Amino acid sequence: FVLLFPRSSLSSSSREKKGVRREMVRGHAKQVAQEKNAKKQEALRKQANRDAGDDKKTKKAITCKICRISLIGEKALRDHYASKHDGKELKPADYGL
């Protein structure tokens, strides 16, 4: 058994002198970046849920008199009539529009 390098050249003090660090600097930075990104994504998800909920709260739900499907907003009712009830005419007075 022969040593190729003398023990003195492998000491920790010589590694530090050469610029080799023992702590994991990038590992910690990666963890911090992941936590920051998770918080940001959660905030965006909450904002998207709030925006979607605002439409439902501000617009009145309308029930189709023919097929009893519930729709949100006048535009949705007009689109529904155009696609599902071609022969029928939408009477805004029936729906209070």
PDB file of N, CA and C in Angstrom:
ATOM      1  N   PHE A   1       0.839  -1.169   0.000  1.00  0.00           N
ATOM      2  CA  PHE A   1       0.000   0.000   0.000  1.00  0.00           C
ATOM      3  C   PHE A   1       0.888   1.237   0.000  1.00  0.00           C
ATOM      4  N   VAL A   2       0.741   2.036  -1.049  1.00  0.00           N
ATOM      5  CA  VAL A   2       1.602   3.206  -1.194  1.00  0.00           C
ATOM      6  C   VAL A   2       0.715   4.446  -1.291  1.00  0.00           C
ATOM      7  N   LEU A   3       1.045   5.485  -0.558  1.00  0.00           N
ATOM      8  CA  LEU A   3       0.324   6.750  -0.628  1.00  0.00           C
ATOM      9  C   LEU A   3       0.873   7.574  -1.787  1.00  0.00           C
ATOM     10  N   LEU A   4      -0.050   8.046  -2.639  1.00  0.00           N
ATOM     11  CA  LEU A   4       0.382   8.858  -3.758  1.00  0.00           C
ATOM     12  C   LEU A   4       0.601  10.312  -3.335  1.00  0.00           C
ATOM     13  N   PHE A   5      -0.176  10.768  -2.349  1.00  0.00           N
ATOM     14  CA  PHE A   5      -0.034  12.129  -1.859  1.00  0.00           C
ATOM     15  C   PHE A   5       0.363  12.084  -0.395  1.00  0.00           C
ATOM     16  N   PRO A   6       1.253  12.899  -0.020  1.00  0.00           N
ATOM     17  CA  PRO A   6       1.597  12.935   1.400  1.00  0.00           C
ATOM     18  C   PRO A   6       0.418  13.473   2.201  1.00  0.00           C
ATOM     19  N   ARG A   7       0.258  13.032   3.417  1.00  0.00           N
ATOM     20  CA  ARG A   7      -0.863  13.429   4.261  1.00  0.00           C
ATOM     21  C   ARG A   7      -0.906  14.942   4.490  1.00  0.00           C
ATOM     22  N   SER A   8       0.174  15.581   4.513  1.00  0.00           N
ATOM     23  CA  SER A   8       0.187  17.023   4.770  1.00  0.00           C
ATOM     24  C   SER A   8      -0.484  17.807   3.645  1.00  0.00           C
ATOM     25  N   SER A   9      -0.497  17.295   2.403  1.00  0.00           N
ATOM     26  CA  SER A   9      -1.100  18.032   1.292  1.00  0.00           C
ATOM     27  C   SER A   9      -2.619  17.938   1.302  1.00  0.00           C
ATOM     28  N   LEU A  10      -3.201  16.992   2.050  1.00  0.00           N
ATOM     29  CA  LEU A  10      -4.646  16.810   2.085  1.00  0.00           C
ATOM     30  C   LEU A  10      -5.292  17.428   3.318  1.00  0.00           C
ATOM     31  N   SER A  11      -4.592  18.190   4.061  1.00  0.00           N
ATOM     32  CA  SER A  11      -5.143  18.763   5.285  1.00  0.00           C
ATOM     33  C   SER A  11      -6.214  19.795   4.954  1.00  0.00           C
ATOM     34  N   SER A  12      -7.110  20.040   5.885  1.00  0.00           N
ATOM     35  CA  SER A  12      -8.205  20.977   5.667  1.00  0.00           C
ATOM     36  C   SER A  12      -7.687  22.405   5.488  1.00  0.00           C
ATOM     37  N   SER A  13      -6.594  22.731   6.145  1.00  0.00           N
ATOM     38  CA  SER A  13      -6.077  24.091   6.017  1.00  0.00           C
ATOM     39  C   SER A  13      -5.581  24.357   4.595  1.00  0.00           C
ATOM     40  N   SER A  14      -5.050  23.346   3.922  1.00  0.00           N
ATOM     41  CA  SER A  14      -4.577  23.560   2.554  1.00  0.00           C
ATOM     42  C   SER A  14      -5.748  23.717   1.590  1.00  0.00           C
ATOM     43  N   ARG A  15      -6.882  23.039   1.858  1.00  0.00           N
ATOM     44  CA  ARG A  15      -8.064  23.186   1.006  1.00  0.00           C
ATOM     45  C   ARG A  15      -8.636  24.588   1.121  1.00  0.00           C
ATOM     46  N   GLU A  16      -8.670  25.102   2.325  1.00  0.00           N
ATOM     47  CA  GLU A  16      -9.198  26.442   2.523  1.00  0.00           C
ATOM     48  C   GLU A  16      -8.321  27.476   1.847  1.00  0.00           C
ATOM     49  N   LYS A  17      -7.037  27.232   1.831  1.00  0.00           N
ATOM     50  CA  LYS A  17      -6.128  28.164   1.180  1.00  0.00           C
ATOM     51  C   LYS A  17      -6.339  28.173  -0.331  1.00  0.00           C
ATOM     52  N   LYS A  18      -6.733  27.041  -0.890  1.00  0.00           N
ATOM     53  CA  LYS A  18      -6.913  26.946  -2.332  1.00  0.00           C
ATOM     54  C   LYS A  18      -8.284  27.464  -2.786  1.00  0.00           C
ATOM     55  N   GLY A  19      -9.157  27.853  -1.863  1.00  0.00           N
ATOM     56  CA  GLY A  19     -10.449  28.412  -2.233  1.00  0.00           C
ATOM     57  C   GLY A  19     -11.576  27.399  -2.248  1.00  0.00           C
ATOM     58  N   VAL A  20     -11.342  26.194  -1.778  1.00  0.00           N
ATOM     59  CA  VAL A  20     -12.392  25.178  -1.730  1.00  0.00           C
ATOM     60  C   VAL A  20     -13.133  25.344  -0.412  1.00  0.00           C
ATOM     61  N   ARG A  21     -14.446  25.549  -0.492  1.00  0.00           N
ATOM     62  CA  ARG A  21     -15.234  25.733   0.719  1.00  0.00           C
ATOM     63  C   ARG A  21     -15.965  24.443   1.061  1.00  0.00           C
ATOM     64  N   ARG A  22     -16.162  24.222   2.319  1.00  0.00           N
ATOM     65  CA  ARG A  22     -16.810  22.994   2.752  1.00  0.00           C
ATOM     66  C   ARG A  22     -18.319  23.182   2.908  1.00  0.00           C
ATOM     67  N   GLU A  23     -18.811  24.366   3.217  1.00  0.00           N
ATOM     68  CA  GLU A  23     -20.244  24.550   3.410  1.00  0.00           C
ATOM     69  C   GLU A  23     -20.949  24.615   2.060  1.00  0.00           C
ATOM     70  N   MET A  24     -22.247  24.284   2.065  1.00  0.00           N
ATOM     71  CA  MET A  24     -23.023  24.271   0.820  1.00  0.00           C
ATOM     72  C   MET A  24     -23.747  25.598   0.667  1.00  0.00           C
ATOM     73  N   VAL A  25     -23.126  26.521   0.036  1.00  0.00           N
ATOM     74  CA  VAL A  25     -23.696  27.853  -0.126  1.00  0.00           C
ATOM     75  C   VAL A  25     -24.885  27.795  -1.083  1.00  0.00           C
ATOM     76  N   ARG A  26     -24.769  27.139  -2.193  1.00  0.00           N
ATOM     77  CA  ARG A  26     -25.839  27.084  -3.196  1.00  0.00           C
ATOM     78  C   ARG A  26     -27.047  26.319  -2.672  1.00  0.00           C
ATOM     79  N   GLY A  27     -26.833  25.319  -1.862  1.00  0.00           N
ATOM     80  CA  GLY A  27     -27.949  24.549  -1.314  1.00  0.00           C
ATOM     81  C   GLY A  27     -28.882  25.420  -0.496  1.00  0.00           C
ATOM     82  N   HIS A  28     -28.330  26.284   0.314  1.00  0.00           N
ATOM     83  CA  HIS A  28     -29.147  27.180   1.134  1.00  0.00           C
ATOM     84  C   HIS A  28     -29.863  28.208   0.258  1.00  0.00           C
ATOM     85  N   ALA A  29     -29.177  28.756  -0.703  1.00  0.00           N
ATOM     86  CA  ALA A  29     -29.779  29.737  -1.599  1.00  0.00           C
ATOM     87  C   ALA A  29     -30.928  29.110  -2.392  1.00  0.00           C
ATOM     88  N   LYS A  30     -30.761  27.862  -2.781  1.00  0.00           N
ATOM     89  CA  LYS A  30     -31.805  27.158  -3.529  1.00  0.00           C
ATOM     90  C   LYS A  30     -33.045  26.982  -2.653  1.00  0.00           C
ATOM     91  N   GLN A  31     -32.847  26.615  -1.420  1.00  0.00           N
ATOM     92  CA  GLN A  31     -33.960  26.426  -0.496  1.00  0.00           C
ATOM     93  C   GLN A  31     -34.706  27.744  -0.266  1.00  0.00           C
ATOM     94  N   VAL A  32     -33.975  28.813  -0.085  1.00  0.00           N
ATOM     95  CA  VAL A  32     -34.593  30.134   0.115  1.00  0.00           C
ATOM     96  C   VAL A  32     -35.371  30.536  -1.134  1.00  0.00           C
ATOM     97  N   ALA A  33     -34.812  30.293  -2.305  1.00  0.00           N
ATOM     98  CA  ALA A  33     -35.478  30.641  -3.556  1.00  0.00           C
ATOM     99  C   ALA A  33     -36.763  29.827  -3.733  1.00  0.00           C
ATOM    100  N   GLN A  34     -36.746  28.551  -3.372  1.00  0.00           N
ATOM    101  CA  GLN A  34     -37.930  27.713  -3.478  1.00  0.00           C
ATOM    102  C   GLN A  34     -39.032  28.193  -2.538  1.00  0.00           C
ATOM    103  N   GLU A  35     -38.665  28.566  -1.324  1.00  0.00           N
ATOM    104  CA  GLU A  35     -39.649  29.067  -0.368  1.00  0.00           C
ATOM    105  C   GLU A  35     -40.269  30.378  -0.862  1.00  0.00           C
ATOM    106  N   LYS A  36     -39.433  31.242  -1.390  1.00  0.00           N
ATOM    107  CA  LYS A  36     -39.908  32.527  -1.908  1.00  0.00           C
ATOM    108  C   LYS A  36     -40.859  32.306  -3.084  1.00  0.00           C
ATOM    109  N   ASN A  37     -40.500  31.388  -3.975  1.00  0.00           N
ATOM    110  CA  ASN A  37     -41.332  31.085  -5.132  1.00  0.00           C
ATOM    111  C   ASN A  37     -42.657  30.461  -4.700  1.00  0.00           C
ATOM    112  N   ALA A  38     -42.642  29.602  -3.691  1.00  0.00           N
ATOM    113  CA  ALA A  38     -43.877  28.979  -3.201  1.00  0.00           C
ATOM    114  C   ALA A  38     -44.833  30.037  -2.650  1.00  0.00           C
ATOM    115  N   LYS A  39     -44.314  31.002  -1.908  1.00  0.00           N
ATOM    116  CA  LYS A  39     -45.151  32.081  -1.374  1.00  0.00           C
ATOM    117  C   LYS A  39     -45.750  32.912  -2.510  1.00  0.00           C
ATOM    118  N   LYS A  40     -44.928  33.184  -3.531  1.00  0.00           N
ATOM    119  CA  LYS A  40     -45.382  33.979  -4.666  1.00  0.00           C
ATOM    120  C   LYS A  40     -46.485  33.241  -5.432  1.00  0.00           C
ATOM    121  N   GLN A  41     -46.294  31.950  -5.667  1.00  0.00           N
ATOM    122  CA  GLN A  41     -47.288  31.155  -6.384  1.00  0.00           C
ATOM    123  C   GLN A  41     -48.598  31.067  -5.608  1.00  0.00           C
ATOM    124  N   GLU A  42     -48.505  30.939  -4.290  1.00  0.00           N
ATOM    125  CA  GLU A  42     -49.707  30.875  -3.456  1.00  0.00           C
ATOM    126  C   GLU A  42     -50.472  32.194  -3.511  1.00  0.00           C
ATOM    127  N   ALA A  43     -49.748  33.303  -3.494  1.00  0.00           N
ATOM    128  CA  ALA A  43     -50.394  34.606  -3.585  1.00  0.00           C
ATOM    129  C   ALA A  43     -51.094  34.770  -4.938  1.00  0.00           C
ATOM    130  N   LEU A  44     -50.451  34.318  -6.008  1.00  0.00           N
ATOM    131  CA  LEU A  44     -51.068  34.405  -7.334  1.00  0.00           C
ATOM    132  C   LEU A  44     -52.316  33.525  -7.414  1.00  0.00           C
ATOM    133  N   ARG A  45     -52.258  32.333  -6.814  1.00  0.00           N
ATOM    134  CA  ARG A  45     -53.386  31.419  -6.812  1.00  0.00           C
ATOM    135  C   ARG A  45     -54.570  32.024  -6.052  1.00  0.00           C
ATOM    136  N   LYS A  46     -54.286  32.648  -4.909  1.00  0.00           N
ATOM    137  CA  LYS A  46     -55.346  33.285  -4.123  1.00  0.00           C
ATOM    138  C   LYS A  46     -55.968  34.440  -4.895  1.00  0.00           C
ATOM    139  N   GLN A  47     -55.132  35.227  -5.573  1.00  0.00           N
ATOM    140  CA  GLN A  47     -55.636  36.361  -6.354  1.00  0.00           C
ATOM    141  C   GLN A  47     -56.522  35.868  -7.489  1.00  0.00           C
ATOM    142  N   ALA A  48     -56.140  34.779  -8.145  1.00  0.00           N
ATOM    143  CA  ALA A  48     -56.939  34.227  -9.238  1.00  0.00           C
ATOM    144  C   ALA A  48     -58.290  33.744  -8.708  1.00  0.00           C
ATOM    145  N   ASN A  49     -58.301  33.135  -7.529  1.00  0.00           N
ATOM    146  CA  ASN A  49     -59.555  32.678  -6.931  1.00  0.00           C
ATOM    147  C   ASN A  49     -60.446  33.861  -6.580  1.00  0.00           C
ATOM    148  N   ARG A  50     -59.845  34.944  -6.089  1.00  0.00           N
ATOM    149  CA  ARG A  50     -60.628  36.142  -5.761  1.00  0.00           C
ATOM    150  C   ARG A  50     -61.237  36.738  -7.014  1.00  0.00           C
ATOM    151  N   ASP A  51     -60.457  36.806  -8.093  1.00  0.00           N
ATOM    152  CA  ASP A  51     -60.957  37.390  -9.336  1.00  0.00           C
ATOM    153  C   ASP A  51     -62.107  36.566  -9.901  1.00  0.00           C
ATOM    154  N   ALA A  52     -61.984  35.251  -9.849  1.00  0.00           N
ATOM    155  CA  ALA A  52     -63.043  34.381 -10.357  1.00  0.00           C
ATOM    156  C   ALA A  52     -64.296  34.509  -9.504  1.00  0.00           C
ATOM    157  N   GLY A  53     -64.137  34.673  -8.216  1.00  0.00           N
ATOM    158  CA  GLY A  53     -65.274  34.807  -7.316  1.00  0.00           C
ATOM    159  C   GLY A  53     -65.988  36.127  -7.477  1.00  0.00           C
ATOM    160  N   ASP A  54     -65.297  37.174  -7.874  1.00  0.00           N
ATOM    161  CA  ASP A  54     -65.913  38.490  -8.043  1.00  0.00           C
ATOM    162  C   ASP A  54     -66.982  38.467  -9.128  1.00  0.00           C
ATOM    163  N   ASP A  55     -66.729  37.755 -10.222  1.00  0.00           N
ATOM    164  CA  ASP A  55     -67.713  37.679 -11.297  1.00  0.00           C
ATOM    165  C   ASP A  55     -69.005  37.035 -10.812  1.00  0.00           C
ATOM    166  N   LYS A  56     -68.884  35.986 -10.041  1.00  0.00           N
ATOM    167  CA  LYS A  56     -70.064  35.287  -9.558  1.00  0.00           C
ATOM    168  C   LYS A  56     -70.843  36.127  -8.551  1.00  0.00           C
ATOM    169  N   LYS A  57     -70.130  36.929  -7.764  1.00  0.00           N
ATOM    170  CA  LYS A  57     -70.801  37.739  -6.764  1.00  0.00           C
ATOM    171  C   LYS A  57     -71.505  38.942  -7.377  1.00  0.00           C
ATOM    172  N   THR A  58     -70.910  39.540  -8.379  1.00  0.00           N
ATOM    173  CA  THR A  58     -71.474  40.767  -8.937  1.00  0.00           C
ATOM    174  C   THR A  58     -72.568  40.490  -9.956  1.00  0.00           C
ATOM    175  N   LYS A  59     -72.484  39.392 -10.662  1.00  0.00           N
ATOM    176  CA  LYS A  59     -73.483  39.083 -11.669  1.00  0.00           C
ATOM    177  C   LYS A  59     -74.583  38.216 -11.067  1.00  0.00           C
ATOM    178  N   LYS A  60     -75.775  38.444 -11.539  1.00  0.00           N
ATOM    179  CA  LYS A  60     -76.935  37.734 -11.034  1.00  0.00           C
ATOM    180  C   LYS A  60     -77.096  36.406 -11.773  1.00  0.00           C
ATOM    181  N   ALA A  61     -77.403  35.356 -11.046  1.00  0.00           N
ATOM    182  CA  ALA A  61     -77.639  34.051 -11.656  1.00  0.00           C
ATOM    183  C   ALA A  61     -79.021  34.054 -12.304  1.00  0.00           C
ATOM    184  N   ILE A  62     -79.079  33.589 -13.540  1.00  0.00           N
ATOM    185  CA  ILE A  62     -80.331  33.547 -14.303  1.00  0.00           C
ATOM    186  C   ILE A  62     -80.601  32.100 -14.666  1.00  0.00           C
ATOM    187  N   THR A  63     -81.837  31.666 -14.505  1.00  0.00           N
ATOM    188  CA  THR A  63     -82.221  30.300 -14.850  1.00  0.00           C
ATOM    189  C   THR A  63     -82.981  30.319 -16.165  1.00  0.00           C
ATOM    190  N   CYS A  64     -82.558  29.473 -17.101  1.00  0.00           N
ATOM    191  CA  CYS A  64     -83.231  29.365 -18.387  1.00  0.00           C
ATOM    192  C   CYS A  64     -84.636  28.800 -18.150  1.00  0.00           C
ATOM    193  N   LYS A  65     -85.658  29.449 -18.717  1.00  0.00           N
ATOM    194  CA  LYS A  65     -87.056  29.034 -18.514  1.00  0.00           C
ATOM    195  C   LYS A  65     -87.371  27.732 -19.248  1.00  0.00           C
ATOM    196  N   ILE A  66     -86.599  27.390 -20.266  1.00  0.00           N
ATOM    197  CA  ILE A  66     -86.877  26.205 -21.075  1.00  0.00           C
ATOM    198  C   ILE A  66     -86.231  24.952 -20.476  1.00  0.00           C
ATOM    199  N   CYS A  67     -84.931  25.012 -20.204  1.00  0.00           N
ATOM    200  CA  CYS A  67     -84.220  23.809 -19.753  1.00  0.00           C
ATOM    201  C   CYS A  67     -83.776  23.872 -18.295  1.00  0.00           C
ATOM    202  N   ARG A  68     -84.062  24.967 -17.604  1.00  0.00           N
ATOM    203  CA  ARG A  68     -83.772  25.125 -16.171  1.00  0.00           C
ATOM    204  C   ARG A  68     -82.284  25.065 -15.821  1.00  0.00           C
ATOM    205  N   ILE A  69     -81.436  25.463 -16.742  1.00  0.00           N
ATOM    206  CA  ILE A  69     -80.005  25.519 -16.443  1.00  0.00           C
ATOM    207  C   ILE A  69     -79.697  26.900 -15.854  1.00  0.00           C
ATOM    208  N   SER A  70     -78.805  26.931 -14.884  1.00  0.00           N
ATOM    209  CA  SER A  70     -78.449  28.178 -14.228  1.00  0.00           C
ATOM    210  C   SER A  70     -77.254  28.800 -14.946  1.00  0.00           C
ATOM    211  N   LEU A  71     -77.387  30.082 -15.285  1.00  0.00           N
ATOM    212  CA  LEU A  71     -76.342  30.806 -16.008  1.00  0.00           C
ATOM    213  C   LEU A  71     -76.027  32.100 -15.278  1.00  0.00           C
ATOM    214  N   ILE A  72     -74.801  32.577 -15.429  1.00  0.00           N
ATOM    215  CA  ILE A  72     -74.392  33.810 -14.780  1.00  0.00           C
ATOM    216  C   ILE A  72     -74.227  34.891 -15.835  1.00  0.00           C
ATOM    217  N   GLY A  73     -75.089  35.880 -15.790  1.00  0.00           N
ATOM    218  CA  GLY A  73     -74.970  37.021 -16.685  1.00  0.00           C
ATOM    219  C   GLY A  73     -75.834  36.917 -17.925  1.00  0.00           C
ATOM    220  N   GLU A  74     -76.148  38.090 -18.460  1.00  0.00           N
ATOM    221  CA  GLU A  74     -77.005  38.182 -19.639  1.00  0.00           C
ATOM    222  C   GLU A  74     -76.312  37.625 -20.882  1.00  0.00           C
ATOM    223  N   LYS A  75     -75.023  37.874 -21.011  1.00  0.00           N
ATOM    224  CA  LYS A  75     -74.280  37.390 -22.182  1.00  0.00           C
ATOM    225  C   LYS A  75     -74.293  35.866 -22.243  1.00  0.00           C
ATOM    226  N   ALA A  76     -74.117  35.236 -21.096  1.00  0.00           N
ATOM    227  CA  ALA A  76     -74.144  33.772 -21.053  1.00  0.00           C
ATOM    228  C   ALA A  76     -75.515  33.245 -21.450  1.00  0.00           C
ATOM    229  N   LEU A  77     -76.580  33.935 -21.029  1.00  0.00           N
ATOM    230  CA  LEU A  77     -77.940  33.524 -21.394  1.00  0.00           C
ATOM    231  C   LEU A  77     -78.162  33.671 -22.894  1.00  0.00           C
ATOM    232  N   ARG A  78     -77.698  34.780 -23.471  1.00  0.00           N
ATOM    233  CA  ARG A  78     -77.849  34.974 -24.920  1.00  0.00           C
ATOM    234  C   ARG A  78     -77.079  33.910 -25.704  1.00  0.00           C
ATOM    235  N   ASP A  79     -75.861  33.603 -25.271  1.00  0.00           N
ATOM    236  CA  ASP A  79     -75.073  32.548 -25.927  1.00  0.00           C
ATOM    237  C   ASP A  79     -75.755  31.194 -25.793  1.00  0.00           C
ATOM    238  N   HIS A  80     -76.331  30.934 -24.631  1.00  0.00           N
ATOM    239  CA  HIS A  80     -77.027  29.668 -24.388  1.00  0.00           C
ATOM    240  C   HIS A  80     -78.221  29.547 -25.329  1.00  0.00           C
ATOM    241  N   TYR A  81     -79.010  30.603 -25.445  1.00  0.00           N
ATOM    242  CA  TYR A  81     -80.165  30.569 -26.346  1.00  0.00           C
ATOM    243  C   TYR A  81     -79.726  30.348 -27.783  1.00  0.00           C
ATOM    244  N   ALA A  82     -78.653  30.994 -28.191  1.00  0.00           N
ATOM    245  CA  ALA A  82     -78.178  30.864 -29.573  1.00  0.00           C
ATOM    246  C   ALA A  82     -77.717  29.439 -29.873  1.00  0.00           C
ATOM    247  N   SER A  83     -77.106  28.770 -28.915  1.00  0.00           N
ATOM    248  CA  SER A  83     -76.571  27.437 -29.187  1.00  0.00           C
ATOM    249  C   SER A  83     -77.552  26.302 -28.874  1.00  0.00           C
ATOM    250  N   LYS A  84     -78.388  26.449 -27.858  1.00  0.00           N
ATOM    251  CA  LYS A  84     -79.257  25.343 -27.444  1.00  0.00           C
ATOM    252  C   LYS A  84     -80.703  25.472 -27.908  1.00  0.00           C
ATOM    253  N   HIS A  85     -81.189  26.692 -28.040  1.00  0.00           N
ATOM    254  CA  HIS A  85     -82.600  26.902 -28.374  1.00  0.00           C
ATOM    255  C   HIS A  85     -82.712  27.771 -29.624  1.00  0.00           C
ATOM    256  N   ASP A  86     -82.280  27.231 -30.757  1.00  0.00           N
ATOM    257  CA  ASP A  86     -82.255  28.007 -32.003  1.00  0.00           C
ATOM    258  C   ASP A  86     -83.628  28.516 -32.429  1.00  0.00           C
ATOM    259  N   GLY A  87     -84.642  27.705 -32.308  1.00  0.00           N
ATOM    260  CA  GLY A  87     -85.976  28.093 -32.778  1.00  0.00           C
ATOM    261  C   GLY A  87     -86.670  29.084 -31.878  1.00  0.00           C
ATOM    262  N   LYS A  88     -86.236  29.196 -30.657  1.00  0.00           N
ATOM    263  CA  LYS A  88     -86.886  30.076 -29.691  1.00  0.00           C
ATOM    264  C   LYS A  88     -86.246  31.455 -29.701  1.00  0.00           C
ATOM    265  N   GLU A  89     -87.044  32.456 -29.349  1.00  0.00           N
ATOM    266  CA  GLU A  89     -86.537  33.824 -29.274  1.00  0.00           C
ATOM    267  C   GLU A  89     -86.375  34.208 -27.811  1.00  0.00           C
ATOM    268  N   LEU A  90     -85.276  34.837 -27.500  1.00  0.00           N
ATOM    269  CA  LEU A  90     -85.017  35.297 -26.137  1.00  0.00           C
ATOM    270  C   LEU A  90     -85.826  36.557 -25.879  1.00  0.00           C
ATOM    271  N   LYS A  91     -86.682  36.493 -24.870  1.00  0.00           N
ATOM    272  CA  LYS A  91     -87.475  37.662 -24.484  1.00  0.00           C
ATOM    273  C   LYS A  91     -86.898  38.230 -23.197  1.00  0.00           C
ATOM    274  N   PRO A  92     -86.204  39.356 -23.288  1.00  0.00           N
ATOM    275  CA  PRO A  92     -85.574  39.928 -22.098  1.00  0.00           C
ATOM    276  C   PRO A  92     -86.567  40.236 -20.967  1.00  0.00           C
ATOM    277  N   ALA A  93     -87.810  40.520 -21.308  1.00  0.00           N
ATOM    278  CA  ALA A  93     -88.817  40.827 -20.279  1.00  0.00           C
ATOM    279  C   ALA A  93     -89.095  39.616 -19.392  1.00  0.00           C
ATOM    280  N   ASP A  94     -88.977  38.414 -19.947  1.00  0.00           N
ATOM    281  CA  ASP A  94     -89.219  37.192 -19.174  1.00  0.00           C
ATOM    282  C   ASP A  94     -88.163  37.001 -18.086  1.00  0.00           C
ATOM    283  N   TYR A  95     -86.994  37.552 -18.312  1.00  0.00           N
ATOM    284  CA  TYR A  95     -85.888  37.355 -17.391  1.00  0.00           C
ATOM    285  C   TYR A  95     -85.545  38.609 -16.595  1.00  0.00           C
ATOM    286  N   GLY A  96     -86.270  39.657 -16.809  1.00  0.00           N
ATOM    287  CA  GLY A  96     -86.019  40.909 -16.084  1.00  0.00           C
ATOM    288  C   GLY A  96     -84.748  41.600 -16.532  1.00  0.00           C
ATOM    289  N   LEU A  97     -84.403  41.457 -17.803  1.00  0.00           N
ATOM    290  CA  LEU A  97     -83.167  42.076 -18.298  1.00  0.00           C
ATOM    291  C   LEU A  97     -83.428  43.463 -18.849  1.00  0.00           C
TER     292      LEU A  97
END
